[in-house]
Amino acid sequence: MRLRLPCMNRVGLIHDITQCLAKRQINIVSLEVEQGNVFLECPYLEQEREAALLQALRKIGGVYRVEAIALMPSKERAEQLNAILGSVQDGILTVNQDYLLTQCNLAAARILRLSLASVMGQPIDDSLAGNLFVQETLRTGKSFRKKGICTVDRSQEMRK
């Protein structure tokens, strides 16, 4: 169950919402706060418990309405970003402050001959060891355009 609670900005509002859930022994899967809205994700509840919760949330001071939503805002933004990354033909990689690979679109995986499943969340040094273009980009901050990557199959040479 995912909800949007349009509300006023007041001290203690999140406390009141979490207390309402705790009183009913309902776990919070995710909670997001944006100006004028609280987004709440809870496990599925049977209809009677859900109705009681919605009624209790509506009674909290400062909550204007309680509305069902399809996706949490962060999940919606992630899906939009994935759609954009999937639609471009340029290879795009993102790395966080710990040098872990956080995004790799299909074009980058194809260009760099990577398996998306095996590199996501991995240190960039491990994932792209030996890739001089990526290492140079990380070092200088400059991207490469229209550069090809040529690999040599050394297994054929070894057999001779």
Protein backbone atom coordinates (compact mmCIF):
# COMPACT_ATOMS: atom_id res chain seq x y z
CA MET A 1 0.00 0.00 0.00
CA ARG A 2 1.42 3.36 -1.07
CA LEU A 3 -0.07 6.64 0.06
CA ARG A 4 0.38 10.37 -0.48
CA LEU A 5 -0.62 12.61 2.39
CA PRO A 6 -0.88 16.26 1.31
CA CYS A 7 -0.21 18.14 4.52
CA MET A 8 0.94 21.29 6.24
CA ASN A 9 4.53 21.63 7.34
CA ARG A 10 4.55 21.38 11.12
CA VAL A 11 6.85 20.08 13.81
CA GLY A 12 5.89 16.59 14.95
CA LEU A 13 3.86 15.60 11.89
CA ILE A 14 6.10 12.68 10.94
CA HIS A 15 6.16 11.59 14.58
CA ASP A 16 2.36 11.56 14.66
CA ILE A 17 2.17 9.55 11.42
CA THR A 18 4.71 6.98 12.61
CA GLN A 19 2.97 6.72 15.99
CA CYS A 20 -0.34 6.07 14.21
CA LEU A 21 1.27 3.16 12.37
CA ALA A 22 3.15 1.84 15.40
CA LYS A 23 -0.05 1.85 17.47
CA ARG A 24 -1.57 -0.48 14.86
CA GLN A 25 1.64 -2.53 14.54
CA ILE A 26 2.02 -1.63 10.87
CA ASN A 27 5.54 -1.58 9.50
CA ILE A 28 6.83 1.28 7.35
CA VAL A 29 8.50 -0.02 4.20
CA SER A 30 9.38 3.47 2.93
CA LEU A 31 8.74 7.05 3.97
CA GLU A 32 9.52 10.11 1.83
CA VAL A 33 8.89 13.74 2.63
CA GLU A 34 8.63 16.54 0.08
CA GLN A 35 7.36 20.06 0.60
CA GLY A 36 3.66 19.74 1.37
CA ASN A 37 3.52 15.93 1.04
CA VAL A 38 4.38 12.82 3.00
CA PHE A 39 4.65 9.59 1.01
CA LEU A 40 4.21 6.35 2.86
CA GLU A 41 4.64 2.73 1.80
CA CYS A 42 3.39 -0.07 4.04
CA PRO A 43 2.90 -3.79 3.53
CA TYR A 44 -0.39 -5.00 2.13
CA LEU A 45 -3.18 -4.88 4.74
CA GLU A 46 -6.50 -6.65 4.71
CA GLN A 47 -9.32 -4.30 3.75
CA GLU A 48 -10.65 -3.72 7.27
CA ARG A 49 -7.22 -2.80 8.72
CA GLU A 50 -6.47 -0.59 5.74
CA ALA A 51 -9.76 1.31 6.11
CA ALA A 52 -9.09 1.86 9.83
CA LEU A 53 -5.56 3.12 9.11
CA LEU A 54 -6.73 5.53 6.41
CA GLN A 55 -9.37 6.92 8.75
CA ALA A 56 -6.80 7.39 11.54
CA LEU A 57 -4.32 9.10 9.20
CA ARG A 58 -7.01 11.55 8.04
CA LYS A 59 -7.56 12.57 11.69
CA ILE A 60 -3.94 13.62 12.21
CA GLY A 61 -3.69 17.40 12.54
CA GLY A 62 -2.19 18.94 9.42
CA VAL A 63 -3.00 16.02 7.09
CA TYR A 64 -5.39 17.33 4.43
CA ARG A 65 -6.11 14.10 2.55
CA VAL A 66 -4.91 10.52 2.17
CA GLU A 67 -4.57 9.30 -1.42
CA ALA A 68 -3.48 5.97 -2.88
CA ILE A 69 -0.58 6.23 -5.33
CA ALA A 70 1.01 3.74 -7.73
CA LEU A 71 4.68 4.46 -7.00
CA MET A 72 6.79 6.19 -4.39
CA PRO A 73 8.42 9.36 -5.81
CA SER A 74 11.94 7.93 -5.67
CA LYS A 75 10.85 4.80 -7.53
CA GLU A 76 9.04 6.89 -10.14
CA ARG A 77 12.16 9.05 -10.69
CA ALA A 78 14.34 5.92 -10.95
CA GLU A 79 12.03 4.44 -13.59
CA GLN A 80 12.07 7.70 -15.55
CA LEU A 81 15.88 7.82 -15.39
CA ASN A 82 16.12 4.20 -16.54
CA ALA A 83 13.81 4.96 -19.46
CA ILE A 84 16.01 7.89 -20.49
CA LEU A 85 19.25 5.93 -20.10
CA GLY A 86 17.80 3.05 -22.08
CA SER A 87 16.76 5.27 -24.95
CA VAL A 88 20.14 6.89 -25.69
CA GLN A 89 22.78 5.27 -27.84
CA ASP A 90 25.73 6.77 -25.96
CA GLY A 91 27.26 4.67 -23.21
CA ILE A 92 26.53 6.19 -19.83
CA LEU A 93 28.05 5.14 -16.51
CA THR A 94 27.54 6.73 -13.12
CA VAL A 95 29.80 6.23 -10.15
CA ASN A 96 29.11 7.31 -6.58
CA GLN A 97 31.55 8.93 -4.15
CA ASP A 98 32.83 5.49 -3.14
CA TYR A 99 33.63 4.68 -6.80
CA LEU A 100 30.88 2.07 -6.96
CA LEU A 101 29.13 1.70 -10.30
CA THR A 102 25.54 2.89 -9.75
CA GLN A 103 24.23 3.14 -13.33
CA CYS A 104 25.28 1.50 -16.56
CA ASN A 105 22.98 1.73 -19.54
CA LEU A 106 22.72 -1.02 -22.15
CA ALA A 107 24.78 0.98 -24.65
CA ALA A 108 27.69 1.23 -22.17
CA ALA A 109 27.43 -2.47 -21.35
CA ARG A 110 27.55 -3.31 -25.06
CA ILE A 111 30.43 -0.94 -25.79
CA LEU A 112 32.48 -2.10 -22.82
CA ARG A 113 31.42 -5.75 -23.14
CA LEU A 114 30.05 -5.89 -19.61
CA SER A 115 27.33 -7.92 -17.99
CA LEU A 116 25.03 -5.43 -16.22
CA ALA A 117 24.15 -7.87 -13.47
CA SER A 118 27.78 -8.55 -12.64
CA VAL A 119 29.02 -4.95 -12.46
CA MET A 120 26.24 -2.97 -10.78
CA GLY A 121 27.25 -1.91 -7.29
CA GLN A 122 30.82 -3.09 -7.83
CA PRO A 123 33.92 -0.90 -7.45
CA ILE A 124 34.70 0.78 -10.77
CA ASP A 125 38.30 -0.47 -10.62
CA ASP A 126 37.10 -4.09 -10.49
CA SER A 127 34.34 -3.66 -13.06
CA LEU A 128 36.36 -1.84 -15.67
CA ALA A 129 39.94 -2.88 -14.95
CA GLY A 130 42.06 -2.22 -17.99
CA ASN A 131 39.60 0.08 -19.75
CA LEU A 132 41.78 3.09 -20.48
CA PHE A 133 38.93 5.32 -21.74
CA VAL A 134 36.95 4.99 -18.53
CA GLN A 135 40.02 5.38 -16.33
CA GLU A 136 41.06 8.51 -18.24
CA THR A 137 37.54 9.96 -17.96
CA LEU A 138 37.52 9.39 -14.20
CA ARG A 139 40.98 10.94 -13.87
CA THR A 140 40.37 14.03 -16.05
CA GLY A 141 36.58 14.41 -16.04
CA LYS A 142 36.57 14.61 -19.85
CA SER A 143 34.33 12.29 -21.84
CA PHE A 144 35.23 10.52 -25.06
CA ARG A 145 33.22 10.87 -28.24
CA LYS A 146 33.29 8.56 -31.20
CA LYS A 147 36.06 6.39 -29.83
CA GLY A 148 36.07 2.72 -30.67
CA ILE A 149 37.27 -0.01 -28.41
CA CYS A 150 39.31 -2.72 -30.02
CA THR A 151 40.01 -5.94 -28.20
CA VAL A 152 42.44 -8.61 -29.19
CA ASP A 153 41.61 -12.26 -28.73
CA ARG A 154 44.89 -13.58 -27.33
CA SER A 155 43.56 -17.14 -27.11
CA GLN A 156 44.19 -17.63 -30.85
CA GLU A 157 47.84 -16.51 -30.48
CA MET A 158 48.39 -18.85 -27.55
CA ARG A 159 47.28 -21.88 -29.56
CA LYS A 160 49.95 -21.35 -32.23
